[in-house]
N, C-alpha and C. Protein backbone atom coordinates (compact mmCIF):
# COMPACT_ATOMS: atom_id res chain seq x y z
N MET A 1 14.22 -21.46 1.06
CA MET A 1 15.11 -20.30 0.95
C MET A 1 14.77 -19.50 -0.29
N ALA A 2 14.71 -18.20 -0.16
CA ALA A 2 14.38 -17.34 -1.30
C ALA A 2 15.53 -17.29 -2.28
N GLY A 3 15.18 -17.34 -3.57
CA GLY A 3 16.19 -17.23 -4.61
C GLY A 3 16.61 -15.79 -4.82
N ALA A 4 17.62 -15.60 -5.69
CA ALA A 4 18.15 -14.26 -5.95
C ALA A 4 17.08 -13.34 -6.53
N LYS A 5 16.24 -13.87 -7.44
CA LYS A 5 15.18 -13.06 -8.05
C LYS A 5 14.17 -12.62 -6.99
N ASP A 6 13.80 -13.55 -6.09
CA ASP A 6 12.86 -13.21 -5.01
C ASP A 6 13.46 -12.16 -4.08
N MET A 7 14.75 -12.28 -3.78
CA MET A 7 15.42 -11.32 -2.90
C MET A 7 15.43 -9.93 -3.54
N ARG A 8 15.71 -9.86 -4.85
CA ARG A 8 15.70 -8.57 -5.54
C ARG A 8 14.29 -7.96 -5.51
N ARG A 9 13.28 -8.80 -5.70
CA ARG A 9 11.89 -8.33 -5.68
C ARG A 9 11.55 -7.79 -4.28
N MET A 10 11.97 -8.50 -3.25
CA MET A 10 11.71 -8.05 -1.88
C MET A 10 12.45 -6.74 -1.60
N ASP A 11 13.69 -6.63 -2.06
CA ASP A 11 14.45 -5.39 -1.86
C ASP A 11 13.77 -4.23 -2.58
N THR A 12 13.29 -4.47 -3.80
CA THR A 12 12.58 -3.43 -4.56
C THR A 12 11.32 -3.01 -3.81
N GLY A 13 10.59 -3.97 -3.28
CA GLY A 13 9.38 -3.67 -2.52
C GLY A 13 9.65 -2.86 -1.28
N LYS A 14 10.67 -3.25 -0.53
CA LYS A 14 11.02 -2.51 0.70
C LYS A 14 11.46 -1.09 0.38
N GLU A 15 12.26 -0.94 -0.68
CA GLU A 15 12.71 0.39 -1.09
C GLU A 15 11.51 1.23 -1.51
N GLY A 16 10.56 0.61 -2.23
CA GLY A 16 9.35 1.31 -2.64
C GLY A 16 8.53 1.78 -1.46
N GLU A 17 8.45 0.96 -0.43
CA GLU A 17 7.69 1.35 0.77
C GLU A 17 8.34 2.54 1.47
N LYS A 18 9.66 2.60 1.49
CA LYS A 18 10.35 3.76 2.08
C LYS A 18 10.06 5.01 1.27
N ILE A 19 10.13 4.88 -0.05
CA ILE A 19 9.84 6.02 -0.93
C ILE A 19 8.40 6.48 -0.73
N ALA A 20 7.48 5.53 -0.66
CA ALA A 20 6.06 5.85 -0.49
C ALA A 20 5.80 6.57 0.83
N ALA A 21 6.39 6.09 1.91
CA ALA A 21 6.19 6.72 3.22
C ALA A 21 6.68 8.17 3.21
N ALA A 22 7.86 8.39 2.63
CA ALA A 22 8.40 9.75 2.55
C ALA A 22 7.49 10.63 1.68
N TYR A 23 7.01 10.10 0.59
CA TYR A 23 6.12 10.83 -0.31
C TYR A 23 4.82 11.22 0.41
N LEU A 24 4.23 10.25 1.12
CA LEU A 24 2.98 10.52 1.84
C LEU A 24 3.18 11.58 2.92
N LYS A 25 4.30 11.52 3.62
CA LYS A 25 4.59 12.54 4.64
C LYS A 25 4.65 13.93 4.01
N LYS A 26 5.28 14.03 2.83
CA LYS A 26 5.36 15.32 2.14
C LYS A 26 3.98 15.81 1.73
N LYS A 27 3.07 14.87 1.49
CA LYS A 27 1.70 15.22 1.10
C LYS A 27 0.82 15.54 2.31
N GLY A 28 1.40 15.45 3.52
CA GLY A 28 0.65 15.80 4.73
C GLY A 28 0.03 14.63 5.48
N TYR A 29 0.30 13.42 5.03
CA TYR A 29 -0.21 12.25 5.73
C TYR A 29 0.62 12.03 7.00
N SER A 30 0.00 11.50 8.03
CA SER A 30 0.72 11.05 9.23
C SER A 30 0.78 9.53 9.16
N ILE A 31 1.97 8.99 9.19
CA ILE A 31 2.13 7.54 9.13
C ILE A 31 1.85 6.97 10.52
N ILE A 32 0.91 6.04 10.60
CA ILE A 32 0.57 5.40 11.87
C ILE A 32 1.35 4.10 12.01
N GLU A 33 1.34 3.29 10.95
CA GLU A 33 2.06 2.02 10.98
C GLU A 33 2.58 1.68 9.59
N GLN A 34 3.69 0.98 9.57
CA GLN A 34 4.21 0.42 8.33
C GLN A 34 4.34 -1.08 8.53
N ASN A 35 3.99 -1.81 7.50
CA ASN A 35 4.06 -3.28 7.52
C ASN A 35 3.28 -3.85 8.71
N TYR A 36 2.04 -3.39 8.87
CA TYR A 36 1.16 -3.92 9.92
C TYR A 36 0.86 -5.38 9.57
N ARG A 37 1.14 -6.26 10.49
CA ARG A 37 0.91 -7.69 10.28
C ARG A 37 -0.13 -8.21 11.25
N CYS A 38 -0.96 -9.12 10.74
CA CYS A 38 -1.94 -9.82 11.55
C CYS A 38 -2.04 -11.24 10.97
N PRO A 39 -2.81 -12.11 11.59
CA PRO A 39 -2.86 -13.50 11.12
C PRO A 39 -3.29 -13.68 9.66
N ILE A 40 -3.99 -12.69 9.09
CA ILE A 40 -4.47 -12.89 7.71
C ILE A 40 -3.64 -12.16 6.65
N GLY A 41 -2.60 -11.43 7.06
CA GLY A 41 -1.77 -10.77 6.07
C GLY A 41 -1.10 -9.51 6.58
N GLU A 42 -0.76 -8.64 5.63
CA GLU A 42 0.00 -7.42 5.94
C GLU A 42 -0.54 -6.24 5.14
N ILE A 43 -0.56 -5.09 5.79
CA ILE A 43 -0.89 -3.83 5.13
C ILE A 43 0.41 -3.02 5.06
N ASP A 44 0.74 -2.53 3.86
CA ASP A 44 2.00 -1.81 3.68
C ASP A 44 2.10 -0.59 4.58
N ILE A 45 1.11 0.30 4.48
CA ILE A 45 1.13 1.54 5.26
C ILE A 45 -0.28 1.86 5.74
N ILE A 46 -0.38 2.25 6.99
CA ILE A 46 -1.64 2.79 7.53
C ILE A 46 -1.31 4.21 7.95
N ALA A 47 -2.11 5.15 7.45
CA ALA A 47 -1.82 6.55 7.69
C ALA A 47 -3.11 7.31 7.99
N ARG A 48 -2.94 8.55 8.38
CA ARG A 48 -4.07 9.44 8.58
C ARG A 48 -3.89 10.61 7.63
N ASP A 49 -4.95 10.92 6.90
CA ASP A 49 -4.98 12.08 6.01
C ASP A 49 -6.16 12.92 6.47
N LYS A 50 -5.85 13.99 7.17
CA LYS A 50 -6.86 14.83 7.82
C LYS A 50 -7.68 13.94 8.78
N ASN A 51 -8.99 13.80 8.51
CA ASN A 51 -9.81 13.03 9.45
C ASN A 51 -10.07 11.59 8.97
N GLU A 52 -9.36 11.16 7.94
CA GLU A 52 -9.58 9.82 7.40
C GLU A 52 -8.40 8.90 7.69
N LEU A 53 -8.75 7.66 8.01
CA LEU A 53 -7.75 6.61 8.12
C LEU A 53 -7.54 6.07 6.72
N VAL A 54 -6.29 5.87 6.34
CA VAL A 54 -5.99 5.45 4.97
C VAL A 54 -5.15 4.17 5.00
N PHE A 55 -5.66 3.16 4.30
CA PHE A 55 -4.94 1.90 4.13
C PHE A 55 -4.26 1.98 2.77
N VAL A 56 -2.94 1.92 2.77
CA VAL A 56 -2.18 2.17 1.55
C VAL A 56 -1.48 0.90 1.07
N GLU A 57 -1.70 0.59 -0.20
CA GLU A 57 -0.99 -0.49 -0.87
C GLU A 57 0.09 0.16 -1.72
N VAL A 58 1.32 -0.31 -1.57
CA VAL A 58 2.44 0.22 -2.34
C VAL A 58 2.82 -0.81 -3.40
N LYS A 59 2.88 -0.37 -4.64
CA LYS A 59 3.30 -1.25 -5.73
C LYS A 59 4.48 -0.59 -6.43
N THR A 60 5.57 -1.33 -6.52
CA THR A 60 6.81 -0.81 -7.09
C THR A 60 7.26 -1.71 -8.23
N ARG A 61 7.65 -1.08 -9.32
CA ARG A 61 8.18 -1.81 -10.47
C ARG A 61 9.38 -1.07 -11.03
N LYS A 62 10.21 -1.83 -11.72
CA LYS A 62 11.39 -1.23 -12.36
C LYS A 62 11.18 -0.99 -13.85
N SER A 63 10.04 -1.43 -14.38
CA SER A 63 9.68 -1.16 -15.76
C SER A 63 8.17 -1.34 -15.91
N CYS A 64 7.65 -0.96 -17.06
CA CYS A 64 6.22 -1.14 -17.34
C CYS A 64 5.99 -2.37 -18.21
N ALA A 65 6.98 -3.23 -18.31
CA ALA A 65 6.86 -4.42 -19.15
C ALA A 65 5.63 -5.26 -18.80
N LEU A 66 5.28 -5.29 -17.52
CA LEU A 66 4.12 -6.05 -17.06
C LEU A 66 2.93 -5.14 -16.75
N GLY A 67 2.99 -3.89 -17.21
CA GLY A 67 1.93 -2.93 -16.93
C GLY A 67 2.34 -1.96 -15.83
N TYR A 68 1.49 -1.00 -15.59
CA TYR A 68 1.77 -0.03 -14.53
C TYR A 68 1.60 -0.69 -13.16
N PRO A 69 2.34 -0.22 -12.17
CA PRO A 69 2.28 -0.87 -10.84
C PRO A 69 0.87 -1.00 -10.28
N GLU A 70 0.07 0.05 -10.41
CA GLU A 70 -1.27 0.03 -9.83
C GLU A 70 -2.18 -1.02 -10.47
N GLN A 71 -1.84 -1.47 -11.67
CA GLN A 71 -2.64 -2.50 -12.33
C GLN A 71 -2.54 -3.85 -11.62
N ALA A 72 -1.57 -3.99 -10.74
CA ALA A 72 -1.40 -5.23 -9.98
C ALA A 72 -2.37 -5.33 -8.80
N VAL A 73 -3.14 -4.28 -8.56
CA VAL A 73 -4.10 -4.30 -7.46
C VAL A 73 -5.49 -4.64 -8.03
N GLY A 74 -5.68 -5.93 -8.29
CA GLY A 74 -6.93 -6.41 -8.85
C GLY A 74 -7.95 -6.69 -7.76
N ILE A 75 -9.06 -7.28 -8.15
CA ILE A 75 -10.16 -7.53 -7.20
C ILE A 75 -9.73 -8.46 -6.07
N LYS A 76 -8.89 -9.44 -6.37
CA LYS A 76 -8.43 -10.35 -5.31
C LYS A 76 -7.66 -9.57 -4.23
N LYS A 77 -6.77 -8.67 -4.65
CA LYS A 77 -6.00 -7.86 -3.71
C LYS A 77 -6.92 -6.88 -2.98
N GLN A 78 -7.90 -6.33 -3.67
CA GLN A 78 -8.84 -5.41 -3.05
C GLN A 78 -9.65 -6.11 -1.95
N LYS A 79 -10.07 -7.33 -2.20
CA LYS A 79 -10.80 -8.09 -1.18
C LYS A 79 -9.91 -8.38 0.02
N LYS A 80 -8.65 -8.73 -0.25
CA LYS A 80 -7.71 -9.01 0.85
C LYS A 80 -7.48 -7.74 1.67
N MET A 81 -7.27 -6.61 1.00
CA MET A 81 -7.06 -5.34 1.71
C MET A 81 -8.30 -4.99 2.54
N SER A 82 -9.47 -5.27 2.02
CA SER A 82 -10.71 -4.99 2.75
C SER A 82 -10.78 -5.83 4.02
N ARG A 83 -10.44 -7.11 3.91
CA ARG A 83 -10.44 -7.98 5.10
C ARG A 83 -9.41 -7.50 6.12
N LEU A 84 -8.23 -7.12 5.63
CA LEU A 84 -7.18 -6.62 6.52
C LEU A 84 -7.61 -5.33 7.22
N ALA A 85 -8.26 -4.45 6.48
CA ALA A 85 -8.73 -3.19 7.07
C ALA A 85 -9.76 -3.45 8.17
N LEU A 86 -10.69 -4.36 7.91
CA LEU A 86 -11.67 -4.72 8.94
C LEU A 86 -10.99 -5.28 10.18
N TRP A 87 -10.01 -6.16 9.97
CA TRP A 87 -9.26 -6.75 11.09
C TRP A 87 -8.63 -5.64 11.92
N TYR A 88 -7.94 -4.71 11.22
CA TYR A 88 -7.26 -3.61 11.90
C TYR A 88 -8.25 -2.76 12.70
N LEU A 89 -9.35 -2.38 12.06
CA LEU A 89 -10.34 -1.53 12.72
C LEU A 89 -10.93 -2.22 13.95
N GLN A 90 -11.19 -3.51 13.86
CA GLN A 90 -11.72 -4.25 15.01
C GLN A 90 -10.67 -4.39 16.10
N GLU A 91 -9.44 -4.71 15.70
CA GLU A 91 -8.36 -4.88 16.69
C GLU A 91 -8.11 -3.59 17.47
N LYS A 92 -8.17 -2.45 16.76
CA LYS A 92 -7.89 -1.15 17.38
C LYS A 92 -9.14 -0.49 17.94
N LYS A 93 -10.27 -1.22 17.87
CA LYS A 93 -11.56 -0.69 18.36
C LYS A 93 -11.89 0.65 17.70
N MET A 94 -11.74 0.68 16.38
CA MET A 94 -11.98 1.89 15.60
C MET A 94 -13.13 1.70 14.62
N ASN A 95 -14.03 0.72 14.90
CA ASN A 95 -15.16 0.50 14.01
C ASN A 95 -15.93 1.80 13.84
N GLY A 96 -16.37 2.06 12.64
CA GLY A 96 -17.11 3.29 12.37
C GLY A 96 -16.23 4.45 11.95
N SER A 97 -14.91 4.25 11.92
CA SER A 97 -14.00 5.31 11.49
C SER A 97 -14.14 5.54 9.98
N CYS A 98 -13.94 6.78 9.56
CA CYS A 98 -13.88 7.08 8.13
C CYS A 98 -12.56 6.53 7.61
N ALA A 99 -12.65 5.70 6.58
CA ALA A 99 -11.43 5.09 6.05
C ALA A 99 -11.53 4.97 4.53
N ARG A 100 -10.37 4.88 3.90
CA ARG A 100 -10.33 4.70 2.45
C ARG A 100 -9.09 3.90 2.08
N PHE A 101 -9.04 3.52 0.81
CA PHE A 101 -7.91 2.76 0.28
C PHE A 101 -7.20 3.60 -0.78
N ASP A 102 -5.91 3.82 -0.58
CA ASP A 102 -5.08 4.52 -1.56
C ASP A 102 -4.03 3.54 -2.09
N ILE A 103 -3.51 3.86 -3.26
CA ILE A 103 -2.39 3.12 -3.83
C ILE A 103 -1.28 4.12 -4.11
N VAL A 104 -0.05 3.75 -3.75
CA VAL A 104 1.11 4.51 -4.19
C VAL A 104 1.82 3.62 -5.21
N ALA A 105 1.86 4.11 -6.44
CA ALA A 105 2.48 3.38 -7.54
C ALA A 105 3.84 4.01 -7.84
N ILE A 106 4.87 3.18 -7.82
CA ILE A 106 6.23 3.68 -7.99
C ILE A 106 6.90 2.96 -9.15
N LEU A 107 7.45 3.75 -10.08
CA LEU A 107 8.29 3.21 -11.14
C LEU A 107 9.71 3.66 -10.84
N MET A 108 10.59 2.70 -10.60
CA MET A 108 11.99 3.02 -10.33
C MET A 108 12.74 2.98 -11.66
N LEU A 109 12.95 4.15 -12.25
CA LEU A 109 13.59 4.25 -13.55
C LEU A 109 15.00 4.80 -13.42
N SER A 110 15.81 4.55 -14.44
CA SER A 110 17.20 5.01 -14.39
C SER A 110 17.29 6.53 -14.27
N GLY A 111 16.31 7.25 -14.81
CA GLY A 111 16.31 8.71 -14.74
C GLY A 111 15.70 9.26 -13.46
N GLY A 112 15.27 8.37 -12.57
CA GLY A 112 14.65 8.79 -11.31
C GLY A 112 13.34 8.08 -11.09
N ASN A 113 12.83 8.20 -9.90
CA ASN A 113 11.59 7.50 -9.55
C ASN A 113 10.38 8.32 -9.96
N GLU A 114 9.37 7.62 -10.45
CA GLU A 114 8.09 8.24 -10.76
C GLU A 114 7.10 7.72 -9.72
N VAL A 115 6.53 8.63 -8.94
CA VAL A 115 5.63 8.24 -7.86
C VAL A 115 4.25 8.83 -8.14
N ARG A 116 3.23 7.96 -8.10
CA ARG A 116 1.86 8.41 -8.29
C ARG A 116 1.02 7.96 -7.09
N LEU A 117 0.21 8.88 -6.61
CA LEU A 117 -0.71 8.58 -5.52
C LEU A 117 -2.11 8.50 -6.10
N ILE A 118 -2.76 7.37 -5.91
CA ILE A 118 -4.14 7.20 -6.35
C ILE A 118 -4.99 7.14 -5.09
N GLN A 119 -5.66 8.26 -4.80
CA GLN A 119 -6.52 8.33 -3.62
C GLN A 119 -7.87 7.68 -3.93
N ASN A 120 -8.44 7.06 -2.89
CA ASN A 120 -9.73 6.36 -3.08
C ASN A 120 -9.64 5.42 -4.28
N ALA A 121 -8.59 4.64 -4.33
CA ALA A 121 -8.30 3.79 -5.48
C ALA A 121 -9.39 2.74 -5.72
N PHE A 122 -10.00 2.28 -4.64
CA PHE A 122 -11.09 1.31 -4.78
C PHE A 122 -11.96 1.39 -3.54
N ASP A 123 -13.17 0.85 -3.70
CA ASP A 123 -14.13 0.80 -2.59
C ASP A 123 -13.93 -0.49 -1.79
N PHE A 124 -14.50 -0.51 -0.61
CA PHE A 124 -14.49 -1.73 0.20
C PHE A 124 -15.04 -2.87 -0.66
N ALA A 125 -14.31 -3.97 -0.69
CA ALA A 125 -14.70 -5.12 -1.53
C ALA A 125 -14.97 -6.33 -0.64
N PRO A 126 -16.23 -6.52 -0.24
CA PRO A 126 -16.53 -7.68 0.62
C PRO A 126 -16.39 -8.97 -0.16
N ASP A 127 -16.23 -10.06 0.57
CA ASP A 127 -16.13 -11.39 -0.08
C ASP A 127 -17.45 -11.78 -0.68
């Protein structure tokens, strides 16, 4: 059973994903899927930005005590996102599609949310 701290973290994450989806829509992205799940994990948001498929990782924090949200997307997470993207492309028979990885970094502050979009945040990271 998840503890209170884990539940708060999950609630913050879910709220961040809602904020991110709304932000991306305002930027002209078309949301294809949210919380895409497959046997190897989950992708927060899959969207289309013009002619590119975009795999989006959403990172939400309530302070910078542990660094900026986007700093949590290290090489291990990049490799996982790359594997998930390949799985998705193969499952949907979209091999050869133009795709990229973006990060939406959200700081939920008392004075309001700070949302940053990092396009092409990292390259495909094979194992």
